[in-house]
Each structure stands twice: as C-alpha cells, then as structure tokens.
Amino acid sequence: MSVIWERPEPIRRHQPPLDRPTIVAAACALADAGGLDAVTLRGVATRLGVLPMRLYRHLDSRDDLLDLMADAVCGEIVLPEPALGDWRARLRALAAATVAVARRHPWYVPLLGSRAQDGPHGLAYSEWLFTALDRPGLPPATLMHAANTFLGYLVGQVHLELLQVPVGAAAHVPSPERLRYLARAVGDGRHPTLERLFTSGCQLDAIEAFDAGLEIVLDGIAAQLG
C-alpha cells in the first residue's frame, strides 16, 4: 500500500467541493476542540456536511488522516533562519517554535512522538534540524543520535508539561489534598531526596523548566559533536 504522500488527489466532481486540505482543516478543528479521540472520519464528514464515503475518495483510513494532520501542524512551525547564530542558538530557536505550536495544538504531541514525520513539512523540518547539527567529518550515526536526542527531549518534556500543567497555568500546583498526601508519603524517612524537594516548596515555571532541561540536552549533544 502506498503512503498518502504518493497518492494523487482525486478529480473533484461532487458538490460541495472537497479536497485534502479542507478535510485536514476540519479534522484539526475537531482535535483542537476535543482531542484526537474526537477525530473520526464520520465526525469530519459531519463537520463538512458530506457523507463519510466521500472521504474515502481522498483517504484510505484514519491513519492517513492523522499523518496529514501531523504534517499540516508541522507546517505551522516557523523554521528559523539557517544563519541564526551558532548551532545551539539555532536549536534553541527551533525548540521554541516547535513548543509554541505544540502548546497551541496539544494533540500534536502524541502524533509527533508516534508517527513518522515524512510528509513534505516533516521532511523540511528534519532537513533543517540535521543541517543545523551537521559538520564535516561527523559520522551519520552520531548526527542521527544527536537529532533524535533533541527531538526526544522536545516531545517528552512537552508531553509531561501538558499532563501536569493546566491550560493557562504557568506551573503545576497540586491540590491541597494531594499536598497533604505527599507530605505524609515522603516524610516517612524512606524518601529523603523527595522530602527535601517537597519541603523546599519549589514550583518550577513550565517555561523555566523547559529551557533549563534543554540546556542540559544541548550540553550533552555538544560533547558528542566535539
């Protein structure tokens, strides 16, 4: 079976006119409102006012739709100018651009971490990233490990942030009930490091936590690049 990117759009003969960008825009709107679980071919068809069978002229499955959605959102990421500073500055800028879009479309994060990003926008993103890290004599395996480490941090940290930090909040603040539980659970002498962190009362700002972790990742990449 060919991938969605290799299959041409069908000729439009029906009314209302329908094409992949229109279908993807409707699916993304559903995901923005209700998450990925809200995205079904029937739901997209209902939003567009067409019968579900019409979508199958453009897609083979929901997987095709998810691939198209992921690539469409990837296209919203503004790739920094290639000449921006050194490689660390370029990766910081790419991280900021990626996270801004991921926070705008939280459902994009699991797609970014679970689906091959090989649509046209995904390939452009990968080319930019690999080019930013590449240098003469760098083994391809090291280049790929560095890029995957960077992407793994982006996906993992934003995923944790979205799980822990309510929409519109700057930091994760547990409820009073959970705070009372934690005080008892970590104060039993078996978790001294957790107790020290808990009693410090430190609540990390989400952006501060992301930026600090990114610097640790970039330091590790730098050690590999030489």
Protein backbone atom coordinates (compact mmCIF):
# COMPACT_ATOMS: atom_id res chain seq x y z
CA MET A 1 0.00 0.00 0.00
CA SER A 2 1.38 3.41 -0.94
CA VAL A 3 1.72 6.19 1.60
CA ILE A 4 -0.67 9.11 1.49
CA TRP A 5 2.01 11.41 0.08
CA GLU A 6 2.34 9.25 -3.07
CA ARG A 7 -1.37 9.15 -3.90
CA PRO A 8 -2.72 11.99 -6.04
CA GLU A 9 -5.86 13.88 -5.16
CA PRO A 10 -8.94 12.56 -6.98
CA ILE A 11 -10.69 14.71 -9.55
CA ARG A 12 -13.36 16.81 -7.88
CA ARG A 13 -16.74 16.04 -9.43
CA HIS A 14 -19.14 16.44 -6.50
CA GLN A 15 -20.65 19.34 -4.59
CA PRO A 16 -19.67 20.77 -2.22
CA PRO A 17 -16.06 20.69 -3.47
CA LEU A 18 -13.79 18.61 -1.28
CA ASP A 19 -10.02 18.21 -1.12
CA ARG A 20 -7.43 17.03 1.39
CA PRO A 21 -6.61 20.48 2.84
CA THR A 22 -10.32 21.04 3.55
CA ILE A 23 -10.62 17.62 5.19
CA VAL A 24 -7.48 18.17 7.27
CA ALA A 25 -8.60 21.62 8.41
CA ALA A 26 -11.89 20.15 9.64
CA ALA A 27 -10.08 17.33 11.42
CA CYS A 28 -7.66 19.74 13.11
CA ALA A 29 -10.58 21.87 14.30
CA LEU A 30 -12.18 18.78 15.85
CA ALA A 31 -8.88 17.86 17.53
CA ASP A 32 -8.40 21.39 18.88
CA ALA A 33 -11.85 21.22 20.44
CA GLY A 34 -11.90 17.65 21.72
CA GLY A 35 -8.52 15.99 21.28
CA LEU A 36 -7.60 13.14 18.96
CA ASP A 37 -10.44 10.94 20.24
CA ALA A 38 -12.85 13.42 18.66
CA VAL A 39 -11.33 12.85 15.23
CA THR A 40 -13.23 10.18 13.31
CA LEU A 41 -13.96 10.04 9.62
CA ARG A 42 -17.66 10.19 10.41
CA GLY A 43 -17.14 13.22 12.64
CA VAL A 44 -15.10 15.00 9.97
CA ALA A 45 -17.73 14.21 7.34
CA THR A 46 -20.46 15.58 9.60
CA ARG A 47 -18.49 18.78 10.17
CA LEU A 48 -18.08 19.18 6.40
CA GLY A 49 -21.70 18.32 5.65
CA VAL A 50 -20.89 15.35 3.41
CA LEU A 51 -21.38 11.59 3.58
CA PRO A 52 -18.47 9.65 5.14
CA MET A 53 -17.95 7.67 1.94
CA ARG A 54 -16.82 10.85 0.19
CA LEU A 55 -13.78 10.99 2.44
CA TYR A 56 -12.66 7.59 1.20
CA ARG A 57 -12.05 9.09 -2.22
CA HIS A 58 -9.27 11.11 -0.58
CA LEU A 59 -8.13 8.82 2.28
CA ASP A 60 -7.76 5.08 2.79
CA SER A 61 -8.06 5.21 6.56
CA ARG A 62 -7.98 7.32 9.72
CA ASP A 63 -4.20 6.71 9.78
CA ASP A 64 -3.92 8.66 6.52
CA LEU A 65 -5.83 11.50 8.15
CA LEU A 66 -3.59 11.52 11.23
CA ASP A 67 -0.49 11.64 9.01
CA LEU A 68 -1.92 14.60 7.10
CA MET A 69 -2.89 16.37 10.32
CA ALA A 70 0.57 15.94 11.81
CA ASP A 71 2.20 17.31 8.68
CA ALA A 72 -0.21 20.24 8.50
CA VAL A 73 0.63 21.28 12.07
CA CYS A 74 4.34 20.76 11.40
CA GLY A 75 3.87 23.29 8.61
CA GLU A 76 2.85 25.88 11.23
CA ILE A 77 6.31 25.67 12.81
CA VAL A 78 8.32 28.63 11.57
CA LEU A 79 11.80 27.30 10.84
CA PRO A 80 14.47 29.77 12.00
CA GLU A 81 16.84 31.41 9.56
CA PRO A 82 19.73 29.00 8.87
CA ALA A 83 22.30 31.72 9.56
CA LEU A 84 20.96 32.43 13.06
CA GLY A 85 23.92 32.30 15.47
CA ASP A 86 25.70 29.03 16.22
CA TRP A 87 24.10 25.59 16.22
CA ARG A 88 22.95 25.95 19.83
CA ALA A 89 21.17 29.22 19.09
CA ARG A 90 19.53 27.63 16.05
CA LEU A 91 18.30 24.64 18.06
CA ARG A 92 17.00 26.89 20.84
CA ALA A 93 15.03 28.82 18.23
CA LEU A 94 13.69 25.62 16.65
CA ALA A 95 12.70 24.29 20.08
CA ALA A 96 10.83 27.50 20.89
CA ALA A 97 9.00 27.43 17.55
CA THR A 98 8.09 23.76 17.94
CA VAL A 99 6.87 24.09 21.51
CA ALA A 100 4.77 27.16 20.67
CA VAL A 101 2.87 25.15 18.06
CA ALA A 102 2.62 22.07 20.31
CA ARG A 103 1.11 24.14 23.11
CA ARG A 104 -1.39 25.56 20.61
CA HIS A 105 -2.33 22.07 19.41
CA PRO A 106 -1.74 19.68 22.38
CA TRP A 107 -2.95 16.69 20.33
CA TYR A 108 0.04 17.17 18.03
CA VAL A 109 2.46 15.99 20.73
CA PRO A 110 1.43 12.30 20.70
CA LEU A 111 1.45 12.34 16.90
CA LEU A 112 4.92 13.85 16.86
CA GLY A 113 6.14 11.09 19.15
CA SER A 114 4.38 8.16 17.50
CA ARG A 115 4.19 8.74 13.74
CA ALA A 116 6.85 9.06 11.07
CA GLN A 117 7.19 12.73 10.16
CA ASP A 118 7.76 12.08 6.47
CA GLY A 119 5.28 14.43 4.83
CA PRO A 120 6.56 17.49 2.96
CA HIS A 121 6.62 19.72 6.05
CA GLY A 122 8.07 16.97 8.21
CA LEU A 123 10.89 16.37 5.73
CA ALA A 124 11.64 20.11 5.60
CA TYR A 125 11.77 20.15 9.43
CA SER A 126 14.13 17.16 9.52
CA GLU A 127 16.37 18.63 6.83
CA TRP A 128 16.63 21.88 8.81
CA LEU A 129 17.47 20.02 12.03
CA PHE A 130 20.08 17.71 10.51
CA THR A 131 21.69 20.61 8.65
CA ALA A 132 21.91 22.65 11.85
CA LEU A 133 23.77 19.83 13.59
CA ASP A 134 25.90 18.55 10.72
CA ARG A 135 29.59 19.35 10.33
CA PRO A 136 32.46 18.00 8.25
CA GLY A 137 33.56 14.53 9.31
CA LEU A 138 30.63 13.89 11.65
CA PRO A 139 29.57 10.22 11.42
CA PRO A 140 25.96 9.82 10.19
CA ALA A 141 25.10 7.72 13.26
CA THR A 142 26.25 10.50 15.62
CA LEU A 143 24.25 13.04 13.65
CA MET A 144 21.12 10.91 13.90
CA HIS A 145 21.63 10.25 17.63
CA ALA A 146 22.03 13.98 18.30
CA ALA A 147 18.89 14.87 16.34
CA ASN A 148 16.86 12.11 17.98
CA THR A 149 18.01 13.20 21.45
CA PHE A 150 16.88 16.75 20.73
CA LEU A 151 13.50 15.60 19.37
CA GLY A 152 13.05 13.12 22.21
CA TYR A 153 13.51 15.89 24.76
CA LEU A 154 11.03 18.17 22.98
CA VAL A 155 8.34 15.51 22.78
CA GLY A 156 8.88 14.10 26.27
CA GLN A 157 9.10 17.40 28.12
CA VAL A 158 6.10 18.97 26.39
CA HIS A 159 4.11 15.78 26.96
CA LEU A 160 4.90 15.91 30.70
CA GLU A 161 4.07 19.60 30.79
CA LEU A 162 0.68 19.07 29.17
CA LEU A 163 -0.09 16.24 31.58
CA GLN A 164 0.86 18.22 34.67
CA VAL A 165 0.22 21.91 33.97
CA PRO A 166 -3.40 23.01 33.47
CA VAL A 167 -4.13 25.00 30.33
CA GLY A 168 -3.41 28.66 31.02
CA ALA A 169 -1.30 27.96 34.13
CA ALA A 170 2.42 28.68 34.43
CA ALA A 171 3.30 25.82 36.79
CA HIS A 172 1.96 22.59 38.21
CA VAL A 173 0.47 23.22 41.65
CA PRO A 174 -1.02 20.11 43.32
CA SER A 175 -4.37 20.34 45.08
CA PRO A 176 -4.38 20.80 48.90
CA GLU A 177 -5.48 17.17 49.28
CA ARG A 178 -2.52 15.93 47.19
CA LEU A 179 -0.12 18.21 49.06
CA ARG A 180 -1.25 16.74 52.38
CA TYR A 181 -0.84 13.24 51.00
CA LEU A 182 2.64 13.98 49.67
CA ALA A 183 3.72 15.47 52.97
CA ARG A 184 2.83 12.21 54.70
CA ALA A 185 4.14 9.92 51.92
CA VAL A 186 7.61 11.46 51.55
CA GLY A 187 8.06 12.26 55.22
CA ASP A 188 8.37 8.65 56.36
CA GLY A 189 12.18 8.59 56.15
CA ARG A 190 12.32 6.33 53.09
CA HIS A 191 12.38 9.14 50.52
CA PRO A 192 14.91 11.71 51.81
CA THR A 193 15.60 13.35 48.45
CA LEU A 194 11.89 13.68 47.63
CA GLU A 195 11.30 15.06 51.12
CA ARG A 196 13.98 17.70 50.61
CA LEU A 197 12.47 18.76 47.31
CA PHE A 198 8.95 18.78 48.73
CA THR A 199 9.81 20.82 51.82
CA SER A 200 11.66 23.37 49.66
CA GLY A 201 8.28 24.35 48.21
CA CYS A 202 9.84 24.86 44.79
CA GLN A 203 7.35 25.08 41.93
CA LEU A 204 9.08 25.26 38.56
CA ASP A 205 7.66 27.58 35.97
CA ALA A 206 6.87 25.50 32.88
CA ILE A 207 8.95 27.64 30.54
CA GLU A 208 11.84 27.83 33.02
CA ALA A 209 11.79 24.03 33.41
CA PHE A 210 11.79 23.50 29.65
CA ASP A 211 14.64 25.92 28.99
CA ALA A 212 16.80 24.53 31.80
CA GLY A 213 16.34 20.97 30.60
CA LEU A 214 17.08 21.98 27.02
CA GLU A 215 20.45 23.41 28.06
CA ILE A 216 21.35 20.09 29.68
CA VAL A 217 20.43 18.30 26.45
CA LEU A 218 22.44 20.75 24.33
CA ASP A 219 25.45 20.27 26.60
CA GLY A 220 25.24 16.53 26.01
CA ILE A 221 24.93 16.99 22.25
CA ALA A 222 27.92 19.37 22.29
CA ALA A 223 30.04 16.70 23.96
CA GLN A 224 29.23 14.30 21.12
CA LEU A 225 29.75 16.81 18.31
CA GLY A 226 33.20 17.72 19.58
